[in-house]
mmCIF file of all heavy atoms, coordinates in Angstrom:
data_MODEL
# 
_entry.id   MODEL 
# 
loop_
_atom_site.group_PDB 
_atom_site.id 
_atom_site.type_symbol 
_atom_site.label_atom_id 
_atom_site.label_alt_id 
_atom_site.label_comp_id 
_atom_site.label_asym_id 
_atom_site.label_entity_id 
_atom_site.label_seq_id 
_atom_site.pdbx_PDB_ins_code 
_atom_site.Cartn_x 
_atom_site.Cartn_y 
_atom_site.Cartn_z 
_atom_site.occupancy 
_atom_site.B_iso_or_equiv 
_atom_site.pdbx_formal_charge 
_atom_site.auth_seq_id 
_atom_site.auth_comp_id 
_atom_site.auth_asym_id 
_atom_site.auth_atom_id 
_atom_site.pdbx_PDB_model_num 
ATOM 1   N N   . GLU A 1 1  ? 71.532 -94.677  27.586 1.00 0.00 ? 1  GLU A N   1 
ATOM 2   C CA  . GLU A 1 1  ? 71.263 -93.284  27.253 1.00 0.00 ? 1  GLU A CA  1 
ATOM 3   C C   . GLU A 1 1  ? 71.794 -92.962  25.857 1.00 0.00 ? 1  GLU A C   1 
ATOM 4   O O   . GLU A 1 1  ? 72.897 -93.368  25.498 1.00 0.00 ? 1  GLU A O   1 
ATOM 5   C CB  . GLU A 1 1  ? 71.935 -92.363  28.277 1.00 0.00 ? 1  GLU A CB  1 
ATOM 6   C CG  . GLU A 1 1  ? 71.419 -92.546  29.706 1.00 0.00 ? 1  GLU A CG  1 
ATOM 7   C CD  . GLU A 1 1  ? 69.987 -92.099  29.854 1.00 0.00 ? 1  GLU A CD  1 
ATOM 8   O OE1 . GLU A 1 1  ? 69.588 -91.172  29.125 1.00 0.00 ? 1  GLU A OE1 1 
ATOM 9   O OE2 . GLU A 1 1  ? 69.262 -92.676  30.692 1.00 0.00 ? 1  GLU A OE2 1 
ATOM 10  N N   . TYR A 1 2  ? 70.994 -92.252  25.102 1.00 0.00 ? 2  TYR A N   1 
ATOM 11  C CA  . TYR A 1 2  ? 71.413 -91.894  23.746 1.00 0.00 ? 2  TYR A CA  1 
ATOM 12  C C   . TYR A 1 2  ? 70.849 -90.530  23.395 1.00 0.00 ? 2  TYR A C   1 
ATOM 13  O O   . TYR A 1 2  ? 69.633 -90.300  23.486 1.00 0.00 ? 2  TYR A O   1 
ATOM 14  C CB  . TYR A 1 2  ? 70.952 -92.946  22.736 1.00 0.00 ? 2  TYR A CB  1 
ATOM 15  C CG  . TYR A 1 2  ? 71.402 -92.648  21.323 1.00 0.00 ? 2  TYR A CG  1 
ATOM 16  C CD1 . TYR A 1 2  ? 72.729 -92.823  20.949 1.00 0.00 ? 2  TYR A CD1 1 
ATOM 17  C CD2 . TYR A 1 2  ? 70.501 -92.165  20.372 1.00 0.00 ? 2  TYR A CD2 1 
ATOM 18  C CE1 . TYR A 1 2  ? 73.151 -92.533  19.655 1.00 0.00 ? 2  TYR A CE1 1 
ATOM 19  C CE2 . TYR A 1 2  ? 70.904 -91.879  19.085 1.00 0.00 ? 2  TYR A CE2 1 
ATOM 20  C CZ  . TYR A 1 2  ? 72.240 -92.063  18.729 1.00 0.00 ? 2  TYR A CZ  1 
ATOM 21  O OH  . TYR A 1 2  ? 72.648 -91.776  17.460 1.00 0.00 ? 2  TYR A OH  1 
ATOM 22  N N   . ASP A 1 3  ? 71.719 -89.618  22.978 1.00 0.00 ? 3  ASP A N   1 
ATOM 23  C CA  . ASP A 1 3  ? 71.343 -88.244  22.629 1.00 0.00 ? 3  ASP A CA  1 
ATOM 24  C C   . ASP A 1 3  ? 71.153 -88.147  21.113 1.00 0.00 ? 3  ASP A C   1 
ATOM 25  O O   . ASP A 1 3  ? 72.130 -88.102  20.351 1.00 0.00 ? 3  ASP A O   1 
ATOM 26  C CB  . ASP A 1 3  ? 72.422 -87.276  23.107 1.00 0.00 ? 3  ASP A CB  1 
ATOM 27  C CG  . ASP A 1 3  ? 71.997 -85.817  22.963 1.00 0.00 ? 3  ASP A CG  1 
ATOM 28  O OD1 . ASP A 1 3  ? 71.039 -85.545  22.213 1.00 0.00 ? 3  ASP A OD1 1 
ATOM 29  O OD2 . ASP A 1 3  ? 72.634 -84.949  23.592 1.00 0.00 ? 3  ASP A OD2 1 
ATOM 30  N N   . VAL A 1 4  ? 69.900 -88.128  20.673 1.00 0.00 ? 4  VAL A N   1 
ATOM 31  C CA  . VAL A 1 4  ? 69.607 -88.075  19.246 1.00 0.00 ? 4  VAL A CA  1 
ATOM 32  C C   . VAL A 1 4  ? 70.096 -86.767  18.643 1.00 0.00 ? 4  VAL A C   1 
ATOM 33  O O   . VAL A 1 4  ? 70.598 -86.736  17.503 1.00 0.00 ? 4  VAL A O   1 
ATOM 34  C CB  . VAL A 1 4  ? 68.088 -88.249  19.012 1.00 0.00 ? 4  VAL A CB  1 
ATOM 35  C CG1 . VAL A 1 4  ? 67.753 -88.094  17.533 1.00 0.00 ? 4  VAL A CG1 1 
ATOM 36  C CG2 . VAL A 1 4  ? 67.629 -89.601  19.516 1.00 0.00 ? 4  VAL A CG2 1 
ATOM 37  N N   . GLN A 1 5  ? 69.966 -85.679  19.392 1.00 0.00 ? 5  GLN A N   1 
ATOM 38  C CA  . GLN A 1 5  ? 70.391 -84.382  18.871 1.00 0.00 ? 5  GLN A CA  1 
ATOM 39  C C   . GLN A 1 5  ? 71.890 -84.355  18.594 1.00 0.00 ? 5  GLN A C   1 
ATOM 40  O O   . GLN A 1 5  ? 72.350 -83.775  17.608 1.00 0.00 ? 5  GLN A O   1 
ATOM 41  C CB  . GLN A 1 5  ? 70.025 -83.282  19.880 1.00 0.00 ? 5  GLN A CB  1 
ATOM 42  C CG  . GLN A 1 5  ? 68.532 -83.123  20.121 1.00 0.00 ? 5  GLN A CG  1 
ATOM 43  C CD  . GLN A 1 5  ? 67.794 -82.692  18.866 1.00 0.00 ? 5  GLN A CD  1 
ATOM 44  O OE1 . GLN A 1 5  ? 68.319 -81.954  18.035 1.00 0.00 ? 5  GLN A OE1 1 
ATOM 45  N NE2 . GLN A 1 5  ? 66.565 -83.178  18.711 1.00 0.00 ? 5  GLN A NE2 1 
ATOM 46  N N   . ALA A 1 6  ? 72.668 -85.015  19.451 1.00 0.00 ? 6  ALA A N   1 
ATOM 47  C CA  . ALA A 1 6  ? 74.125 -84.975  19.305 1.00 0.00 ? 6  ALA A CA  1 
ATOM 48  C C   . ALA A 1 6  ? 74.637 -85.975  18.273 1.00 0.00 ? 6  ALA A C   1 
ATOM 49  O O   . ALA A 1 6  ? 75.594 -85.688  17.545 1.00 0.00 ? 6  ALA A O   1 
ATOM 50  C CB  . ALA A 1 6  ? 74.796 -85.225  20.657 1.00 0.00 ? 6  ALA A CB  1 
ATOM 51  N N   . PHE A 1 7  ? 74.018 -87.159  18.211 1.00 0.00 ? 7  PHE A N   1 
ATOM 52  C CA  . PHE A 1 7  ? 74.587 -88.234  17.393 1.00 0.00 ? 7  PHE A CA  1 
ATOM 53  C C   . PHE A 1 7  ? 73.709 -88.660  16.229 1.00 0.00 ? 7  PHE A C   1 
ATOM 54  O O   . PHE A 1 7  ? 74.075 -89.549  15.466 1.00 0.00 ? 7  PHE A O   1 
ATOM 55  C CB  . PHE A 1 7  ? 74.876 -89.459  18.285 1.00 0.00 ? 7  PHE A CB  1 
ATOM 56  C CG  . PHE A 1 7  ? 75.753 -89.149  19.465 1.00 0.00 ? 7  PHE A CG  1 
ATOM 57  C CD1 . PHE A 1 7  ? 75.252 -89.154  20.749 1.00 0.00 ? 7  PHE A CD1 1 
ATOM 58  C CD2 . PHE A 1 7  ? 77.088 -88.826  19.279 1.00 0.00 ? 7  PHE A CD2 1 
ATOM 59  C CE1 . PHE A 1 7  ? 76.056 -88.869  21.839 1.00 0.00 ? 7  PHE A CE1 1 
ATOM 60  C CE2 . PHE A 1 7  ? 77.911 -88.534  20.361 1.00 0.00 ? 7  PHE A CE2 1 
ATOM 61  C CZ  . PHE A 1 7  ? 77.387 -88.546  21.652 1.00 0.00 ? 7  PHE A CZ  1 
ATOM 62  N N   . GLY A 1 8  ? 72.554 -88.028  16.071 1.00 0.00 ? 8  GLY A N   1 
ATOM 63  C CA  . GLY A 1 8  ? 71.707 -88.354  14.940 1.00 0.00 ? 8  GLY A CA  1 
ATOM 64  C C   . GLY A 1 8  ? 70.772 -89.507  15.232 1.00 0.00 ? 8  GLY A C   1 
ATOM 65  O O   . GLY A 1 8  ? 70.888 -90.213  16.232 1.00 0.00 ? 8  GLY A O   1 
ATOM 66  N N   . ARG A 1 9  ? 69.827 -89.695  14.329 1.00 0.00 ? 9  ARG A N   1 
ATOM 67  C CA  . ARG A 1 9  ? 68.841 -90.761  14.493 1.00 0.00 ? 9  ARG A CA  1 
ATOM 68  C C   . ARG A 1 9  ? 69.520 -92.130  14.407 1.00 0.00 ? 9  ARG A C   1 
ATOM 69  O O   . ARG A 1 9  ? 70.346 -92.363  13.517 1.00 0.00 ? 9  ARG A O   1 
ATOM 70  C CB  . ARG A 1 9  ? 67.781 -90.634  13.404 1.00 0.00 ? 9  ARG A CB  1 
ATOM 71  C CG  . ARG A 1 9  ? 66.629 -91.618  13.528 1.00 0.00 ? 9  ARG A CG  1 
ATOM 72  C CD  . ARG A 1 9  ? 65.567 -91.323  12.499 1.00 0.00 ? 9  ARG A CD  1 
ATOM 73  N NE  . ARG A 1 9  ? 64.882 -90.069  12.803 1.00 0.00 ? 9  ARG A NE  1 
ATOM 74  C CZ  . ARG A 1 9  ? 64.050 -89.463  11.966 1.00 0.00 ? 9  ARG A CZ  1 
ATOM 75  N NH1 . ARG A 1 9  ? 63.824 -89.975  10.761 1.00 0.00 ? 9  ARG A NH1 1 
ATOM 76  N NH2 . ARG A 1 9  ? 63.454 -88.346  12.306 1.00 0.00 ? 9  ARG A NH2 1 
ATOM 77  N N   . PRO A 1 10 ? 69.204 -93.048  15.328 1.00 0.00 ? 10 PRO A N   1 
ATOM 78  C CA  . PRO A 1 10 ? 69.837 -94.379  15.286 1.00 0.00 ? 10 PRO A CA  1 
ATOM 79  C C   . PRO A 1 10 ? 69.551 -95.101  13.981 1.00 0.00 ? 10 PRO A C   1 
ATOM 80  O O   . PRO A 1 10 ? 68.472 -94.968  13.406 1.00 0.00 ? 10 PRO A O   1 
ATOM 81  C CB  . PRO A 1 10 ? 69.197 -95.105  16.473 1.00 0.00 ? 10 PRO A CB  1 
ATOM 82  C CG  . PRO A 1 10 ? 68.676 -94.038  17.359 1.00 0.00 ? 10 PRO A CG  1 
ATOM 83  C CD  . PRO A 1 10 ? 68.289 -92.899  16.463 1.00 0.00 ? 10 PRO A CD  1 
ATOM 84  N N   . GLN A 1 11 ? 70.523 -95.859  13.520 1.00 0.00 ? 11 GLN A N   1 
ATOM 85  C CA  . GLN A 1 11 ? 70.437 -96.575  12.248 1.00 0.00 ? 11 GLN A CA  1 
ATOM 86  C C   . GLN A 1 11 ? 70.483 -98.086  12.482 1.00 0.00 ? 11 GLN A C   1 
ATOM 87  O O   . GLN A 1 11 ? 70.870 -98.554  13.551 1.00 0.00 ? 11 GLN A O   1 
ATOM 88  C CB  . GLN A 1 11 ? 71.588 -96.162  11.329 1.00 0.00 ? 11 GLN A CB  1 
ATOM 89  C CG  . GLN A 1 11 ? 71.652 -94.668  11.037 1.00 0.00 ? 11 GLN A CG  1 
ATOM 90  C CD  . GLN A 1 11 ? 70.540 -94.213  10.134 1.00 0.00 ? 11 GLN A CD  1 
ATOM 91  O OE1 . GLN A 1 11 ? 70.435 -94.639  8.990  1.00 0.00 ? 11 GLN A OE1 1 
ATOM 92  N NE2 . GLN A 1 11 ? 69.676 -93.346  10.657 1.00 0.00 ? 11 GLN A NE2 1 
ATOM 93  N N   . ARG A 1 12 ? 70.109 -98.816  11.461 1.00 0.00 ? 12 ARG A N   1 
ATOM 94  C CA  . ARG A 1 12 ? 70.201 -100.282 11.494 1.00 0.00 ? 12 ARG A CA  1 
ATOM 95  C C   . ARG A 1 12 ? 70.731 -100.779 10.162 1.00 0.00 ? 12 ARG A C   1 
ATOM 96  O O   . ARG A 1 12 ? 70.327 -100.308 9.102  1.00 0.00 ? 12 ARG A O   1 
ATOM 97  C CB  . ARG A 1 12 ? 68.839 -100.916 11.762 1.00 0.00 ? 12 ARG A CB  1 
ATOM 98  C CG  . ARG A 1 12 ? 68.782 -102.427 11.436 1.00 0.00 ? 12 ARG A CG  1 
ATOM 99  C CD  . ARG A 1 12 ? 67.501 -103.073 11.890 1.00 0.00 ? 12 ARG A CD  1 
ATOM 100 N NE  . ARG A 1 12 ? 67.453 -103.173 13.340 1.00 0.00 ? 12 ARG A NE  1 
ATOM 101 C CZ  . ARG A 1 12 ? 66.449 -103.756 14.021 1.00 0.00 ? 12 ARG A CZ  1 
ATOM 102 N NH1 . ARG A 1 12 ? 65.429 -104.274 13.356 1.00 0.00 ? 12 ARG A NH1 1 
ATOM 103 N NH2 . ARG A 1 12 ? 66.470 -103.803 15.335 1.00 0.00 ? 12 ARG A NH2 1 
ATOM 104 N N   . ILE A 1 13 ? 71.642 -101.735 10.238 1.00 0.00 ? 13 ILE A N   1 
ATOM 105 C CA  . ILE A 1 13 ? 72.035 -102.495 9.055  1.00 0.00 ? 13 ILE A CA  1 
ATOM 106 C C   . ILE A 1 13 ? 71.770 -103.970 9.334  1.00 0.00 ? 13 ILE A C   1 
ATOM 107 O O   . ILE A 1 13 ? 71.762 -104.408 10.490 1.00 0.00 ? 13 ILE A O   1 
ATOM 108 C CB  . ILE A 1 13 ? 73.518 -102.292 8.670  1.00 0.00 ? 13 ILE A CB  1 
ATOM 109 C CG1 . ILE A 1 13 ? 74.443 -102.844 9.754  1.00 0.00 ? 13 ILE A CG1 1 
ATOM 110 C CG2 . ILE A 1 13 ? 73.830 -100.850 8.364  1.00 0.00 ? 13 ILE A CG2 1 
ATOM 111 C CD1 . ILE A 1 13 ? 75.866 -102.995 9.289  1.00 0.00 ? 13 ILE A CD1 1 
ATOM 112 N N   . LEU A 1 14 ? 71.527 -104.701 8.275  1.00 0.00 ? 14 LEU A N   1 
ATOM 113 C CA  . LEU A 1 14 ? 71.345 -106.140 8.369  1.00 0.00 ? 14 LEU A CA  1 
ATOM 114 C C   . LEU A 1 14 ? 72.481 -106.821 7.621  1.00 0.00 ? 14 LEU A C   1 
ATOM 115 O O   . LEU A 1 14 ? 72.809 -106.437 6.497  1.00 0.00 ? 14 LEU A O   1 
ATOM 116 C CB  . LEU A 1 14 ? 70.004 -106.564 7.772  1.00 0.00 ? 14 LEU A CB  1 
ATOM 117 C CG  . LEU A 1 14 ? 68.746 -106.032 8.483  1.00 0.00 ? 14 LEU A CG  1 
ATOM 118 C CD1 . LEU A 1 14 ? 67.506 -106.422 7.692  1.00 0.00 ? 14 LEU A CD1 1 
ATOM 119 C CD2 . LEU A 1 14 ? 68.662 -106.566 9.901  1.00 0.00 ? 14 LEU A CD2 1 
ATOM 120 N N   . VAL A 1 15 ? 73.075 -107.808 8.268  1.00 0.00 ? 15 VAL A N   1 
ATOM 121 C CA  . VAL A 1 15 ? 74.135 -108.604 7.654  1.00 0.00 ? 15 VAL A CA  1 
ATOM 122 C C   . VAL A 1 15 ? 73.570 -109.992 7.398  1.00 0.00 ? 15 VAL A C   1 
ATOM 123 O O   . VAL A 1 15 ? 73.098 -110.665 8.320  1.00 0.00 ? 15 VAL A O   1 
ATOM 124 C CB  . VAL A 1 15 ? 75.372 -108.699 8.570  1.00 0.00 ? 15 VAL A CB  1 
ATOM 125 C CG1 . VAL A 1 15 ? 76.464 -109.513 7.881  1.00 0.00 ? 15 VAL A CG1 1 
ATOM 126 C CG2 . VAL A 1 15 ? 75.870 -107.316 8.943  1.00 0.00 ? 15 VAL A CG2 1 
ATOM 127 N N   . ARG A 1 16 ? 73.597 -110.408 6.138  1.00 0.00 ? 16 ARG A N   1 
ATOM 128 C CA  . ARG A 1 16 ? 73.020 -111.690 5.754  1.00 0.00 ? 16 ARG A CA  1 
ATOM 129 C C   . ARG A 1 16 ? 74.113 -112.583 5.179  1.00 0.00 ? 16 ARG A C   1 
ATOM 130 O O   . ARG A 1 16 ? 74.855 -112.164 4.285  1.00 0.00 ? 16 ARG A O   1 
ATOM 131 C CB  . ARG A 1 16 ? 71.904 -111.463 4.736  1.00 0.00 ? 16 ARG A CB  1 
ATOM 132 C CG  . ARG A 1 16 ? 71.213 -112.716 4.261  1.00 0.00 ? 16 ARG A CG  1 
ATOM 133 C CD  . ARG A 1 16 ? 69.876 -112.406 3.615  1.00 0.00 ? 16 ARG A CD  1 
ATOM 134 N NE  . ARG A 1 16 ? 69.967 -111.500 2.473  1.00 0.00 ? 16 ARG A NE  1 
ATOM 135 C CZ  . ARG A 1 16 ? 68.909 -111.000 1.844  1.00 0.00 ? 16 ARG A CZ  1 
ATOM 136 N NH1 . ARG A 1 16 ? 67.684 -111.310 2.256  1.00 0.00 ? 16 ARG A NH1 1 
ATOM 137 N NH2 . ARG A 1 16 ? 69.058 -110.199 0.803  1.00 0.00 ? 16 ARG A NH2 1 
ATOM 138 N N   . THR A 1 17 ? 74.227 -113.811 5.696  1.00 0.00 ? 17 THR A N   1 
ATOM 139 C CA  . THR A 1 17 ? 75.232 -114.752 5.209  1.00 0.00 ? 17 THR A CA  1 
ATOM 140 C C   . THR A 1 17 ? 74.583 -116.106 4.944  1.00 0.00 ? 17 THR A C   1 
ATOM 141 O O   . THR A 1 17 ? 73.589 -116.462 5.590  1.00 0.00 ? 17 THR A O   1 
ATOM 142 C CB  . THR A 1 17 ? 76.379 -114.945 6.226  1.00 0.00 ? 17 THR A CB  1 
ATOM 143 O OG1 . THR A 1 17 ? 75.861 -115.574 7.409  1.00 0.00 ? 17 THR A OG1 1 
ATOM 144 C CG2 . THR A 1 17 ? 77.009 -113.613 6.587  1.00 0.00 ? 17 THR A CG2 1 
ATOM 145 N N   . PRO A 1 18 ? 75.125 -116.880 4.020  1.00 0.00 ? 18 PRO A N   1 
ATOM 146 C CA  . PRO A 1 18 ? 74.599 -118.240 3.812  1.00 0.00 ? 18 PRO A CA  1 
ATOM 147 C C   . PRO A 1 18 ? 74.810 -119.082 5.065  1.00 0.00 ? 18 PRO A C   1 
ATOM 148 O O   . PRO A 1 18 ? 75.684 -118.811 5.886  1.00 0.00 ? 18 PRO A O   1 
ATOM 149 C CB  . PRO A 1 18 ? 75.438 -118.763 2.630  1.00 0.00 ? 18 PRO A CB  1 
ATOM 150 C CG  . PRO A 1 18 ? 76.053 -117.557 2.007  1.00 0.00 ? 18 PRO A CG  1 
ATOM 151 C CD  . PRO A 1 18 ? 76.223 -116.550 3.090  1.00 0.00 ? 18 PRO A CD  1 
ATOM 152 N N   . LEU A 1 19 ? 73.980 -120.117 5.214  1.00 0.00 ? 19 LEU A N   1 
ATOM 153 C CA  . LEU A 1 19 ? 74.157 -121.030 6.342  1.00 0.00 ? 19 LEU A CA  1 
ATOM 154 C C   . LEU A 1 19 ? 75.528 -121.687 6.243  1.00 0.00 ? 19 LEU A C   1 
ATOM 155 O O   . LEU A 1 19 ? 75.945 -122.144 5.179  1.00 0.00 ? 19 LEU A O   1 
ATOM 156 C CB  . LEU A 1 19 ? 73.067 -122.102 6.344  1.00 0.00 ? 19 LEU A CB  1 
ATOM 157 C CG  . LEU A 1 19 ? 71.638 -121.640 6.683  1.00 0.00 ? 19 LEU A CG  1 
ATOM 158 C CD1 . LEU A 1 19 ? 70.688 -122.827 6.646  1.00 0.00 ? 19 LEU A CD1 1 
ATOM 159 C CD2 . LEU A 1 19 ? 71.593 -120.964 8.040  1.00 0.00 ? 19 LEU A CD2 1 
ATOM 160 N N   . GLY A 1 20 ? 76.218 -121.718 7.357  1.00 0.00 ? 20 GLY A N   1 
ATOM 161 C CA  . GLY A 1 20 ? 77.546 -122.325 7.401  1.00 0.00 ? 20 GLY A CA  1 
ATOM 162 C C   . GLY A 1 20 ? 77.765 -122.955 8.750  1.00 0.00 ? 20 GLY A C   1 
ATOM 163 O O   . GLY A 1 20 ? 76.811 -123.299 9.455  1.00 0.00 ? 20 GLY A O   1 
ATOM 164 N N   . PRO A 1 21 ? 79.017 -123.125 9.155  1.00 0.00 ? 21 PRO A N   1 
ATOM 165 C CA  . PRO A 1 21 ? 79.295 -123.684 10.479 1.00 0.00 ? 21 PRO A CA  1 
ATOM 166 C C   . PRO A 1 21 ? 78.601 -122.879 11.568 1.00 0.00 ? 21 PRO A C   1 
ATOM 167 O O   . PRO A 1 21 ? 78.537 -121.654 11.515 1.00 0.00 ? 21 PRO A O   1 
ATOM 168 C CB  . PRO A 1 21 ? 80.822 -123.585 10.589 1.00 0.00 ? 21 PRO A CB  1 
ATOM 169 C CG  . PRO A 1 21 ? 81.304 -123.557 9.169  1.00 0.00 ? 21 PRO A CG  1 
ATOM 170 C CD  . PRO A 1 21 ? 80.239 -122.836 8.400  1.00 0.00 ? 21 PRO A CD  1 
ATOM 171 N N   . ARG A 1 22 ? 78.073 -123.572 12.571 1.00 0.00 ? 22 ARG A N   1 
ATOM 172 C CA  . ARG A 1 22 ? 77.350 -122.912 13.656 1.00 0.00 ? 22 ARG A CA  1 
ATOM 173 C C   . ARG A 1 22 ? 78.238 -121.867 14.325 1.00 0.00 ? 22 ARG A C   1 
ATOM 174 O O   . ARG A 1 22 ? 79.368 -122.152 14.714 1.00 0.00 ? 22 ARG A O   1 
ATOM 175 C CB  . ARG A 1 22 ? 76.906 -123.952 14.677 1.00 0.00 ? 22 ARG A CB  1 
ATOM 176 C CG  . ARG A 1 22 ? 76.159 -123.370 15.871 1.00 0.00 ? 22 ARG A CG  1 
ATOM 177 C CD  . ARG A 1 22 ? 75.807 -124.474 16.845 1.00 0.00 ? 22 ARG A CD  1 
ATOM 178 N NE  . ARG A 1 22 ? 75.280 -123.947 18.080 1.00 0.00 ? 22 ARG A NE  1 
ATOM 179 C CZ  . ARG A 1 22 ? 73.998 -123.690 18.304 1.00 0.00 ? 22 ARG A CZ  1 
ATOM 180 N NH1 . ARG A 1 22 ? 73.120 -123.918 17.362 1.00 0.00 ? 22 ARG A NH1 1 
ATOM 181 N NH2 . ARG A 1 22 ? 73.590 -123.224 19.471 1.00 0.00 ? 22 ARG A NH2 1 
ATOM 182 N N   . GLY A 1 23 ? 77.734 -120.667 14.456 1.00 0.00 ? 23 GLY A N   1 
ATOM 183 C CA  . GLY A 1 23 ? 78.460 -119.622 15.164 1.00 0.00 ? 23 GLY A CA  1 
ATOM 184 C C   . GLY A 1 23 ? 79.453 -118.857 14.321 1.00 0.00 ? 23 GLY A C   1 
ATOM 185 O O   . GLY A 1 23 ? 80.163 -117.994 14.844 1.00 0.00 ? 23 GLY A O   1 
ATOM 186 N N   . GLN A 1 24 ? 79.521 -119.110 13.019 1.00 0.00 ? 24 GLN A N   1 
ATOM 187 C CA  . GLN A 1 24 ? 80.509 -118.445 12.177 1.00 0.00 ? 24 GLN A CA  1 
ATOM 188 C C   . GLN A 1 24 ? 80.277 -116.931 12.139 1.00 0.00 ? 24 GLN A C   1 
ATOM 189 O O   . GLN A 1 24 ? 81.202 -116.143 12.342 1.00 0.00 ? 24 GLN A O   1 
ATOM 190 C CB  . GLN A 1 24 ? 80.461 -119.029 10.766 1.00 0.00 ? 24 GLN A CB  1 
ATOM 191 C CG  . GLN A 1 24 ? 81.559 -118.519 9.844  1.00 0.00 ? 24 GLN A CG  1 
ATOM 192 C CD  . GLN A 1 24 ? 81.482 -119.155 8.464  1.00 0.00 ? 24 GLN A CD  1 
ATOM 193 O OE1 . GLN A 1 24 ? 80.392 -119.363 7.932  1.00 0.00 ? 24 GLN A OE1 1 
ATOM 194 N NE2 . GLN A 1 24 ? 82.622 -119.471 7.884  1.00 0.00 ? 24 GLN A NE2 1 
ATOM 195 N N   . LEU A 1 25 ? 79.031 -116.515 11.902 1.00 0.00 ? 25 LEU A N   1 
ATOM 196 C CA  . LEU A 1 25 ? 78.725 -115.087 11.863 1.00 0.00 ? 25 LEU A CA  1 
ATOM 197 C C   . LEU A 1 25 ? 78.873 -114.474 13.253 1.00 0.00 ? 25 LEU A C   1 
ATOM 198 O O   . LEU A 1 25 ? 79.440 -113.386 13.411 1.00 0.00 ? 25 LEU A O   1 
ATOM 199 C CB  . LEU A 1 25 ? 77.306 -114.868 11.330 1.00 0.00 ? 25 LEU A CB  1 
ATOM 200 C CG  . LEU A 1 25 ? 76.799 -113.413 11.316 1.00 0.00 ? 25 LEU A CG  1 
ATOM 201 C CD1 . LEU A 1 25 ? 77.706 -112.528 10.474 1.00 0.00 ? 25 LEU A CD1 1 
ATOM 202 C CD2 . LEU A 1 25 ? 75.361 -113.354 10.810 1.00 0.00 ? 25 LEU A CD2 1 
ATOM 203 N N   . GLY A 1 26 ? 78.374 -115.158 14.273 1.00 0.00 ? 26 GLY A N   1 
ATOM 204 C CA  . GLY A 1 26 ? 78.471 -114.650 15.631 1.00 0.00 ? 26 GLY A CA  1 
ATOM 205 C C   . GLY A 1 26 ? 79.904 -114.464 16.080 1.00 0.00 ? 26 GLY A C   1 
ATOM 206 O O   . GLY A 1 26 ? 80.240 -113.473 16.748 1.00 0.00 ? 26 GLY A O   1 
ATOM 207 N N   . ALA A 1 27 ? 80.774 -115.401 15.723 1.00 0.00 ? 27 ALA A N   1 
ATOM 208 C CA  . ALA A 1 27 ? 82.183 -115.296 16.114 1.00 0.00 ? 27 ALA A CA  1 
ATOM 209 C C   . ALA A 1 27 ? 82.837 -114.076 15.477 1.00 0.00 ? 27 ALA A C   1 
ATOM 210 O O   . ALA A 1 27 ? 83.637 -113.380 16.120 1.00 0.00 ? 27 ALA A O   1 
ATOM 211 C CB  . ALA A 1 27 ? 82.926 -116.570 15.718 1.00 0.00 ? 27 ALA A CB  1 
ATOM 212 N N   . ALA A 1 28 ? 82.495 -113.796 14.215 1.00 0.00 ? 28 ALA A N   1 
ATOM 213 C CA  . ALA A 1 28 ? 83.067 -112.630 13.545 1.00 0.00 ? 28 ALA A CA  1 
ATOM 214 C C   . ALA A 1 28 ? 82.605 -111.335 14.206 1.00 0.00 ? 28 ALA A C   1 
ATOM 215 O O   . ALA A 1 28 ? 83.401 -110.411 14.434 1.00 0.00 ? 28 ALA A O   1 
ATOM 216 C CB  . ALA A 1 28 ? 82.670 -112.641 12.066 1.00 0.00 ? 28 ALA A CB  1 
ATOM 217 N N   . LEU A 1 29 ? 81.342 -111.262 14.542 1.00 0.00 ? 29 LEU A N   1 
ATOM 218 C CA  . LEU A 1 29 ? 80.819 -110.070 15.198 1.00 0.00 ? 29 LEU A CA  1 
ATOM 219 C C   . LEU A 1 29 ? 81.365 -109.928 16.614 1.00 0.00 ? 29 LEU A C   1 
ATOM 220 O O   . LEU A 1 29 ? 81.625 -108.817 17.095 1.00 0.00 ? 29 LEU A O   1 
ATOM 221 C CB  . LEU A 1 29 ? 79.292 -110.122 15.221 1.00 0.00 ? 29 LEU A CB  1 
ATOM 222 C CG  . LEU A 1 29 ? 78.605 -110.119 13.847 1.00 0.00 ? 29 LEU A CG  1 
ATOM 223 C CD1 . LEU A 1 29 ? 77.114 -110.368 13.987 1.00 0.00 ? 29 LEU A CD1 1 
ATOM 224 C CD2 . LEU A 1 29 ? 78.860 -108.810 13.118 1.00 0.00 ? 29 LEU A CD2 1 
# 
């Protein structure tokens, strides 16, 4: 459930990193 009126329109950001050890970005997130 998400109330647009209360919290605003949902946003998206993209995080881009160079290829590195498998799971490096996932582990940080």
